[in-house]
Amino acid sequence: MKTPDTSFRSVALVAVLLLVLTSLSTWFATGQVHLPVSVGTAALGFAWIKGWLIADHFMELREAPWLLRGVVLGWLTVVCVGLMWAL
């Protein structure tokens, strides 16, 4: 009988908590006319961390060739920095 991987469960829990934090921060911002830069930056920071966790653990890129991992994480970084710059 195989034992469950506890590290996968803890990473999944962190990813879900970050998703909740991101959702709450954007929900907080919807009632305001202008989005405070700090709230938008925090939401994008949470989104980047969550995307990294999903790519590394759920998509198992931590064991992929470095070029593939670099392309995926680089794309994620470019998108998040571009959105932060647009704030």
PDB file of N, CA and C in Angstrom:
ATOM      1  N   MET A   1       0.841  -1.181   0.000  1.00  0.00           N
ATOM      2  CA  MET A   1       0.000   0.000   0.000  1.00  0.00           C
ATOM      3  C   MET A   1       0.882   1.238   0.000  1.00  0.00           C
ATOM      4  N   LYS A   2       0.553   2.159  -0.855  1.00  0.00           N
ATOM      5  CA  LYS A   2       1.336   3.366  -1.000  1.00  0.00           C
ATOM      6  C   LYS A   2       0.880   4.415   0.018  1.00  0.00           C
ATOM      7  N   THR A   3       1.846   5.083   0.654  1.00  0.00           N
ATOM      8  CA  THR A   3       1.489   6.142   1.604  1.00  0.00           C
ATOM      9  C   THR A   3       1.326   7.446   0.844  1.00  0.00           C
ATOM     10  N   PRO A   4       0.403   8.285   1.277  1.00  0.00           N
ATOM     11  CA  PRO A   4       0.194   9.560   0.586  1.00  0.00           C
ATOM     12  C   PRO A   4       1.393  10.482   0.786  1.00  0.00           C
ATOM     13  N   ASP A   5       1.684  11.252  -0.243  1.00  0.00           N
ATOM     14  CA  ASP A   5       2.792  12.199  -0.199  1.00  0.00           C
ATOM     15  C   ASP A   5       2.351  13.439   0.575  1.00  0.00           C
ATOM     16  N   THR A   6       2.914  13.631   1.751  1.00  0.00           N
ATOM     17  CA  THR A   6       2.494  14.764   2.591  1.00  0.00           C
ATOM     18  C   THR A   6       3.014  16.092   2.055  1.00  0.00           C
ATOM     19  N   SER A   7       4.153  16.096   1.334  1.00  0.00           N
ATOM     20  CA  SER A   7       4.659  17.357   0.794  1.00  0.00           C
ATOM     21  C   SER A   7       3.718  17.876  -0.292  1.00  0.00           C
ATOM     22  N   PHE A   8       3.143  16.963  -1.083  1.00  0.00           N
ATOM     23  CA  PHE A   8       2.185  17.386  -2.104  1.00  0.00           C
ATOM     24  C   PHE A   8       0.954  18.004  -1.453  1.00  0.00           C
ATOM     25  N   ARG A   9       0.494  17.409  -0.351  1.00  0.00           N
ATOM     26  CA  ARG A   9      -0.673  17.951   0.350  1.00  0.00           C
ATOM     27  C   ARG A   9      -0.381  19.333   0.905  1.00  0.00           C
ATOM     28  N   SER A  10       0.803  19.545   1.483  1.00  0.00           N
ATOM     29  CA  SER A  10       1.121  20.845   2.063  1.00  0.00           C
ATOM     30  C   SER A  10       1.252  21.902   0.975  1.00  0.00           C
ATOM     31  N   VAL A  11       1.835  21.542  -0.176  1.00  0.00           N
ATOM     32  CA  VAL A  11       1.941  22.491  -1.280  1.00  0.00           C
ATOM     33  C   VAL A  11       0.559  22.808  -1.829  1.00  0.00           C
ATOM     34  N   ALA A  12      -0.295  21.812  -1.919  1.00  0.00           N
ATOM     35  CA  ALA A  12      -1.663  22.045  -2.386  1.00  0.00           C
ATOM     36  C   ALA A  12      -2.401  22.966  -1.424  1.00  0.00           C
ATOM     37  N   LEU A  13      -2.194  22.782  -0.134  1.00  0.00           N
ATOM     38  CA  LEU A  13      -2.835  23.647   0.855  1.00  0.00           C
ATOM     39  C   LEU A  13      -2.341  25.086   0.723  1.00  0.00           C
ATOM     40  N   VAL A  14      -1.045  25.272   0.533  1.00  0.00           N
ATOM     41  CA  VAL A  14      -0.494  26.615   0.349  1.00  0.00           C
ATOM     42  C   VAL A  14      -1.071  27.252  -0.912  1.00  0.00           C
ATOM     43  N   ALA A  15      -1.162  26.492  -2.001  1.00  0.00           N
ATOM     44  CA  ALA A  15      -1.715  27.020  -3.247  1.00  0.00           C
ATOM     45  C   ALA A  15      -3.170  27.441  -3.073  1.00  0.00           C
ATOM     46  N   VAL A  16      -3.946  26.650  -2.367  1.00  0.00           N
ATOM     47  CA  VAL A  16      -5.349  26.998  -2.129  1.00  0.00           C
ATOM     48  C   VAL A  16      -5.448  28.233  -1.246  1.00  0.00           C
ATOM     49  N   LEU A  17      -4.625  28.333  -0.213  1.00  0.00           N
ATOM     50  CA  LEU A  17      -4.642  29.521   0.648  1.00  0.00           C
ATOM     51  C   LEU A  17      -4.246  30.773  -0.130  1.00  0.00           C
ATOM     52  N   LEU A  18      -3.261  30.664  -1.016  1.00  0.00           N
ATOM     53  CA  LEU A  18      -2.886  31.807  -1.842  1.00  0.00           C
ATOM     54  C   LEU A  18      -4.011  32.190  -2.799  1.00  0.00           C
ATOM     55  N   LEU A  19      -4.703  31.212  -3.324  1.00  0.00           N
ATOM     56  CA  LEU A  19      -5.847  31.500  -4.177  1.00  0.00           C
ATOM     57  C   LEU A  19      -6.916  32.258  -3.406  1.00  0.00           C
ATOM     58  N   VAL A  20      -7.170  31.847  -2.171  1.00  0.00           N
ATOM     59  CA  VAL A  20      -8.155  32.537  -1.333  1.00  0.00           C
ATOM     60  C   VAL A  20      -7.698  33.963  -1.042  1.00  0.00           C
ATOM     61  N   LEU A  21      -6.415  34.147  -0.705  1.00  0.00           N
ATOM     62  CA  LEU A  21      -5.895  35.494  -0.437  1.00  0.00           C
ATOM     63  C   LEU A  21      -6.003  36.385  -1.669  1.00  0.00           C
ATOM     64  N   THR A  22      -5.689  35.832  -2.830  1.00  0.00           N
ATOM     65  CA  THR A  22      -5.811  36.591  -4.068  1.00  0.00           C
ATOM     66  C   THR A  22      -7.262  36.972  -4.332  1.00  0.00           C
ATOM     67  N   SER A  23      -8.161  36.036  -4.128  1.00  0.00           N
ATOM     68  CA  SER A  23      -9.587  36.316  -4.336  1.00  0.00           C
ATOM     69  C   SER A  23     -10.088  37.380  -3.370  1.00  0.00           C
ATOM     70  N   LEU A  24      -9.679  37.289  -2.119  1.00  0.00           N
ATOM     71  CA  LEU A  24     -10.112  38.281  -1.134  1.00  0.00           C
ATOM     72  C   LEU A  24      -9.549  39.668  -1.440  1.00  0.00           C
ATOM     73  N   SER A  25      -8.301  39.730  -1.875  1.00  0.00           N
ATOM     74  CA  SER A  25      -7.724  41.042  -2.173  1.00  0.00           C
ATOM     75  C   SER A  25      -8.401  41.684  -3.381  1.00  0.00           C
ATOM     76  N   THR A  26      -8.747  40.886  -4.386  1.00  0.00           N
ATOM     77  CA  THR A  26      -9.447  41.473  -5.520  1.00  0.00           C
ATOM     78  C   THR A  26     -10.896  41.812  -5.168  1.00  0.00           C
ATOM     79  N   TRP A  27     -11.515  41.022  -4.313  1.00  0.00           N
ATOM     80  CA  TRP A  27     -12.876  41.342  -3.871  1.00  0.00           C
ATOM     81  C   TRP A  27     -12.882  42.653  -3.092  1.00  0.00           C
ATOM     82  N   PHE A  28     -11.873  42.855  -2.254  1.00  0.00           N
ATOM     83  CA  PHE A  28     -11.757  44.101  -1.495  1.00  0.00           C
ATOM     84  C   PHE A  28     -11.625  45.299  -2.434  1.00  0.00           C
ATOM     85  N   ALA A  29     -10.911  45.105  -3.529  1.00  0.00           N
ATOM     86  CA  ALA A  29     -10.653  46.200  -4.458  1.00  0.00           C
ATOM     87  C   ALA A  29     -11.856  46.525  -5.339  1.00  0.00           C
ATOM     88  N   THR A  30     -12.812  45.625  -5.486  1.00  0.00           N
ATOM     89  CA  THR A  30     -13.916  45.871  -6.412  1.00  0.00           C
ATOM     90  C   THR A  30     -14.862  46.959  -5.937  1.00  0.00           C
ATOM     91  N   GLY A  31     -14.941  47.195  -4.652  1.00  0.00           N
ATOM     92  CA  GLY A  31     -15.850  48.208  -4.139  1.00  0.00           C
ATOM     93  C   GLY A  31     -15.310  49.615  -4.249  1.00  0.00           C
ATOM     94  N   GLN A  32     -14.079  49.772  -4.684  1.00  0.00           N
ATOM     95  CA  GLN A  32     -13.455  51.083  -4.759  1.00  0.00           C
ATOM     96  C   GLN A  32     -13.378  51.538  -6.207  1.00  0.00           C
ATOM     97  N   VAL A  33     -13.420  52.864  -6.374  1.00  0.00           N
ATOM     98  CA  VAL A  33     -13.359  53.408  -7.724  1.00  0.00           C
ATOM     99  C   VAL A  33     -11.966  53.216  -8.309  1.00  0.00           C
ATOM    100  N   HIS A  34     -10.949  53.532  -7.524  1.00  0.00           N
ATOM    101  CA  HIS A  34      -9.570  53.379  -7.983  1.00  0.00           C
ATOM    102  C   HIS A  34      -8.898  52.285  -7.173  1.00  0.00           C
ATOM    103  N   LEU A  35      -8.245  51.393  -7.858  1.00  0.00           N
ATOM    104  CA  LEU A  35      -7.540  50.300  -7.203  1.00  0.00           C
ATOM    105  C   LEU A  35      -6.250  50.828  -6.592  1.00  0.00           C
ATOM    106  N   PRO A  36      -6.089  50.708  -5.281  1.00  0.00           N
ATOM    107  CA  PRO A  36      -4.809  51.110  -4.695  1.00  0.00           C
ATOM    108  C   PRO A  36      -3.684  50.252  -5.252  1.00  0.00           C
ATOM    109  N   VAL A  37      -2.564  50.881  -5.521  1.00  0.00           N
ATOM    110  CA  VAL A  37      -1.447  50.167  -6.130  1.00  0.00           C
ATOM    111  C   VAL A  37      -0.981  49.035  -5.220  1.00  0.00           C
ATOM    112  N   SER A  38      -1.014  49.245  -3.910  1.00  0.00           N
ATOM    113  CA  SER A  38      -0.551  48.210  -2.991  1.00  0.00           C
ATOM    114  C   SER A  38      -1.428  46.963  -3.061  1.00  0.00           C
ATOM    115  N   VAL A  39      -2.742  47.140  -3.210  1.00  0.00           N
ATOM    116  CA  VAL A  39      -3.640  45.991  -3.304  1.00  0.00           C
ATOM    117  C   VAL A  39      -3.423  45.257  -4.623  1.00  0.00           C
ATOM    118  N   GLY A  40      -3.282  46.000  -5.694  1.00  0.00           N
ATOM    119  CA  GLY A  40      -3.038  45.375  -6.992  1.00  0.00           C
ATOM    120  C   GLY A  40      -1.706  44.656  -7.045  1.00  0.00           C
ATOM    121  N   THR A  41      -0.682  45.266  -6.465  1.00  0.00           N
ATOM    122  CA  THR A  41       0.635  44.637  -6.428  1.00  0.00           C
ATOM    123  C   THR A  41       0.609  43.368  -5.586  1.00  0.00           C
ATOM    124  N   ALA A  42      -0.073  43.422  -4.448  1.00  0.00           N
ATOM    125  CA  ALA A  42      -0.179  42.235  -3.592  1.00  0.00           C
ATOM    126  C   ALA A  42      -0.925  41.111  -4.311  1.00  0.00           C
ATOM    127  N   ALA A  43      -2.008  41.450  -4.999  1.00  0.00           N
ATOM    128  CA  ALA A  43      -2.776  40.432  -5.723  1.00  0.00           C
ATOM    129  C   ALA A  43      -1.937  39.786  -6.827  1.00  0.00           C
ATOM    130  N   LEU A  44      -1.160  40.600  -7.556  1.00  0.00           N
ATOM    131  CA  LEU A  44      -0.302  40.042  -8.601  1.00  0.00           C
ATOM    132  C   LEU A  44       0.856  39.241  -8.014  1.00  0.00           C
ATOM    133  N   GLY A  45       1.341  39.660  -6.856  1.00  0.00           N
ATOM    134  CA  GLY A  45       2.379  38.884  -6.183  1.00  0.00           C
ATOM    135  C   GLY A  45       1.866  37.528  -5.756  1.00  0.00           C
ATOM    136  N   PHE A  46       0.667  37.502  -5.189  1.00  0.00           N
ATOM    137  CA  PHE A  46       0.042  36.228  -4.823  1.00  0.00           C
ATOM    138  C   PHE A  46      -0.196  35.367  -6.066  1.00  0.00           C
ATOM    139  N   ALA A  47      -0.611  36.000  -7.147  1.00  0.00           N
ATOM    140  CA  ALA A  47      -0.868  35.259  -8.384  1.00  0.00           C
ATOM    141  C   ALA A  47       0.423  34.652  -8.933  1.00  0.00           C
ATOM    142  N   TRP A  48       1.545  35.396  -8.842  1.00  0.00           N
ATOM    143  CA  TRP A  48       2.815  34.857  -9.318  1.00  0.00           C
ATOM    144  C   TRP A  48       3.251  33.658  -8.475  1.00  0.00           C
ATOM    145  N   ILE A  49       3.152  33.789  -7.160  1.00  0.00           N
ATOM    146  CA  ILE A  49       3.536  32.681  -6.277  1.00  0.00           C
ATOM    147  C   ILE A  49       2.643  31.473  -6.536  1.00  0.00           C
ATOM    148  N   LYS A  50       1.351  31.713  -6.683  1.00  0.00           N
ATOM    149  CA  LYS A  50       0.424  30.610  -6.943  1.00  0.00           C
ATOM    150  C   LYS A  50       0.725  29.958  -8.287  1.00  0.00           C
ATOM    151  N   GLY A  51       1.008  30.757  -9.299  1.00  0.00           N
ATOM    152  CA  GLY A  51       1.365  30.211 -10.606  1.00  0.00           C
ATOM    153  C   GLY A  51       2.646  29.405 -10.561  1.00  0.00           C
ATOM    154  N   TRP A  52       3.636  29.880  -9.792  1.00  0.00           N
ATOM    155  CA  TRP A  52       4.882  29.147  -9.636  1.00  0.00           C
ATOM    156  C   TRP A  52       4.642  27.813  -8.933  1.00  0.00           C
ATOM    157  N   LEU A  53       3.812  27.824  -7.872  1.00  0.00           N
ATOM    158  CA  LEU A  53       3.501  26.582  -7.169  1.00  0.00           C
ATOM    159  C   LEU A  53       2.789  25.589  -8.083  1.00  0.00           C
ATOM    160  N   ILE A  54       1.845  26.080  -8.865  1.00  0.00           N
ATOM    161  CA  ILE A  54       1.102  25.205  -9.771  1.00  0.00           C
ATOM    162  C   ILE A  54       2.035  24.629 -10.834  1.00  0.00           C
ATOM    163  N   ALA A  55       2.882  25.495 -11.410  1.00  0.00           N
ATOM    164  CA  ALA A  55       3.804  25.006 -12.451  1.00  0.00           C
ATOM    165  C   ALA A  55       4.818  24.024 -11.875  1.00  0.00           C
ATOM    166  N   ASP A  56       5.347  24.336 -10.716  1.00  0.00           N
ATOM    167  CA  ASP A  56       6.398  23.499 -10.134  1.00  0.00           C
ATOM    168  C   ASP A  56       5.873  22.177  -9.590  1.00  0.00           C
ATOM    169  N   HIS A  57       4.754  22.211  -8.919  1.00  0.00           N
ATOM    170  CA  HIS A  57       4.300  21.019  -8.221  1.00  0.00           C
ATOM    171  C   HIS A  57       3.183  20.270  -8.953  1.00  0.00           C
ATOM    172  N   PHE A  58       2.161  20.978  -9.402  1.00  0.00           N
ATOM    173  CA  PHE A  58       1.047  20.290 -10.042  1.00  0.00           C
ATOM    174  C   PHE A  58       1.384  19.893 -11.477  1.00  0.00           C
ATOM    175  N   MET A  59       2.124  20.750 -12.195  1.00  0.00           N
ATOM    176  CA  MET A  59       2.541  20.426 -13.564  1.00  0.00           C
ATOM    177  C   MET A  59       3.879  19.688 -13.573  1.00  0.00           C
ATOM    178  N   GLU A  60       4.474  19.520 -12.402  1.00  0.00           N
ATOM    179  CA  GLU A  60       5.728  18.786 -12.194  1.00  0.00           C
ATOM    180  C   GLU A  60       6.874  19.320 -13.042  1.00  0.00           C
ATOM    181  N   LEU A  61       6.978  20.652 -13.145  1.00  0.00           N
ATOM    182  CA  LEU A  61       8.077  21.248 -13.896  1.00  0.00           C
ATOM    183  C   LEU A  61       9.381  21.260 -13.112  1.00  0.00           C
ATOM    184  N   ARG A  62       9.339  20.962 -11.831  1.00  0.00           N
ATOM    185  CA  ARG A  62      10.576  20.955 -11.051  1.00  0.00           C
ATOM    186  C   ARG A  62      11.515  19.860 -11.521  1.00  0.00           C
ATOM    187  N   GLU A  63      10.991  18.864 -12.213  1.00  0.00           N
ATOM    188  CA  GLU A  63      11.820  17.779 -12.751  1.00  0.00           C
ATOM    189  C   GLU A  63      11.964  17.873 -14.268  1.00  0.00           C
ATOM    190  N   ALA A  64      11.449  18.940 -14.868  1.00  0.00           N
ATOM    191  CA  ALA A  64      11.514  19.115 -16.320  1.00  0.00           C
ATOM    192  C   ALA A  64      12.878  19.693 -16.704  1.00  0.00           C
ATOM    193  N   PRO A  65      13.226  19.640 -17.979  1.00  0.00           N
ATOM    194  CA  PRO A  65      14.464  20.291 -18.429  1.00  0.00           C
ATOM    195  C   PRO A  65      14.449  21.778 -18.097  1.00  0.00           C
ATOM    196  N   TRP A  66      15.625  22.311 -17.812  1.00  0.00           N
ATOM    197  CA  TRP A  66      15.710  23.693 -17.346  1.00  0.00           C
ATOM    198  C   TRP A  66      15.166  24.685 -18.368  1.00  0.00           C
ATOM    199  N   LEU A  67      15.285  24.379 -19.663  1.00  0.00           N
ATOM    200  CA  LEU A  67      14.773  25.295 -20.685  1.00  0.00           C
ATOM    201  C   LEU A  67      13.253  25.406 -20.624  1.00  0.00           C
ATOM    202  N   LEU A  68      12.565  24.288 -20.509  1.00  0.00           N
ATOM    203  CA  LEU A  68      11.107  24.297 -20.415  1.00  0.00           C
ATOM    204  C   LEU A  68      10.654  25.018 -19.144  1.00  0.00           C
ATOM    205  N   ARG A  69      11.302  24.702 -18.043  1.00  0.00           N
ATOM    206  CA  ARG A  69      10.963  25.359 -16.780  1.00  0.00           C
ATOM    207  C   ARG A  69      11.216  26.869 -16.864  1.00  0.00           C
ATOM    208  N   GLY A  70      12.335  27.259 -17.481  1.00  0.00           N
ATOM    209  CA  GLY A  70      12.657  28.679 -17.636  1.00  0.00           C
ATOM    210  C   GLY A  70      11.656  29.420 -18.501  1.00  0.00           C
ATOM    211  N   VAL A  71      11.203  28.768 -19.577  1.00  0.00           N
ATOM    212  CA  VAL A  71      10.222  29.402 -20.464  1.00  0.00           C
ATOM    213  C   VAL A  71       8.903  29.631 -19.726  1.00  0.00           C
ATOM    214  N   VAL A  72       8.433  28.624 -19.007  1.00  0.00           N
ATOM    215  CA  VAL A  72       7.144  28.744 -18.307  1.00  0.00           C
ATOM    216  C   VAL A  72       7.227  29.783 -17.195  1.00  0.00           C
ATOM    217  N   LEU A  73       8.256  29.698 -16.361  1.00  0.00           N
ATOM    218  CA  LEU A  73       8.373  30.660 -15.255  1.00  0.00           C
ATOM    219  C   LEU A  73       8.730  32.054 -15.761  1.00  0.00           C
ATOM    220  N   GLY A  74       9.484  32.126 -16.861  1.00  0.00           N
ATOM    221  CA  GLY A  74       9.785  33.431 -17.465  1.00  0.00           C
ATOM    222  C   GLY A  74       8.531  34.094 -18.012  1.00  0.00           C
ATOM    223  N   TRP A  75       7.696  33.300 -18.685  1.00  0.00           N
ATOM    224  CA  TRP A  75       6.434  33.834 -19.204  1.00  0.00           C
ATOM    225  C   TRP A  75       5.559  34.349 -18.068  1.00  0.00           C
ATOM    226  N   LEU A  76       5.487  33.573 -16.995  1.00  0.00           N
ATOM    227  CA  LEU A  76       4.693  33.985 -15.831  1.00  0.00           C
ATOM    228  C   LEU A  76       5.222  35.288 -15.246  1.00  0.00           C
ATOM    229  N   THR A  77       6.533  35.415 -15.164  1.00  0.00           N
ATOM    230  CA  THR A  77       7.141  36.629 -14.622  1.00  0.00           C
ATOM    231  C   THR A  77       6.885  37.822 -15.531  1.00  0.00           C
ATOM    232  N   VAL A  78       7.037  37.648 -16.824  1.00  0.00           N
ATOM    233  CA  VAL A  78       6.813  38.748 -17.772  1.00  0.00           C
ATOM    234  C   VAL A  78       5.373  39.233 -17.709  1.00  0.00           C
ATOM    235  N   VAL A  79       4.430  38.305 -17.630  1.00  0.00           N
ATOM    236  CA  VAL A  79       3.018  38.690 -17.565  1.00  0.00           C
ATOM    237  C   VAL A  79       2.722  39.446 -16.272  1.00  0.00           C
ATOM    238  N   CYS A  80       3.208  38.953 -15.140  1.00  0.00           N
ATOM    239  CA  CYS A  80       2.930  39.621 -13.859  1.00  0.00           C
ATOM    240  C   CYS A  80       3.604  40.986 -13.780  1.00  0.00           C
ATOM    241  N   VAL A  81       4.857  41.093 -14.255  1.00  0.00           N
ATOM    242  CA  VAL A  81       5.545  42.389 -14.237  1.00  0.00           C
ATOM    243  C   VAL A  81       4.856  43.354 -15.198  1.00  0.00           C
ATOM    244  N   GLY A  82       4.431  42.865 -16.350  1.00  0.00           N
ATOM    245  CA  GLY A  82       3.711  43.731 -17.292  1.00  0.00           C
ATOM    246  C   GLY A  82       2.405  44.251 -16.708  1.00  0.00           C
ATOM    247  N   LEU A  83       1.700  43.406 -15.993  1.00  0.00           N
ATOM    248  CA  LEU A  83       0.455  43.851 -15.358  1.00  0.00           C
ATOM    249  C   LEU A  83       0.729  44.828 -14.212  1.00  0.00           C
ATOM    250  N   MET A  84       1.805  44.599 -13.459  1.00  0.00           N
ATOM    251  CA  MET A  84       2.167  45.543 -12.393  1.00  0.00           C
ATOM    252  C   MET A  84       2.542  46.887 -12.978  1.00  0.00           C
ATOM    253  N   TRP A  85       3.244  46.861 -14.104  1.00  0.00           N
ATOM    254  CA  TRP A  85       3.643  48.110 -14.752  1.00  0.00           C
ATOM    255  C   TRP A  85       2.417  48.871 -15.257  1.00  0.00           C
ATOM    256  N   ALA A  86       1.370  48.146 -15.648  1.00  0.00           N
ATOM    257  CA  ALA A  86       0.152  48.774 -16.154  1.00  0.00           C
ATOM    258  C   ALA A  86      -0.675  49.400 -15.036  1.00  0.00           C
ATOM    259  N   LEU A  87      -0.408  49.000 -13.771  1.00  0.00           N
ATOM    260  CA  LEU A  87      -1.160  49.596 -12.662  1.00  0.00           C
ATOM    261  C   LEU A  87      -0.779  51.040 -12.591  1.00  0.00           C
TER     262      LEU A  87
END
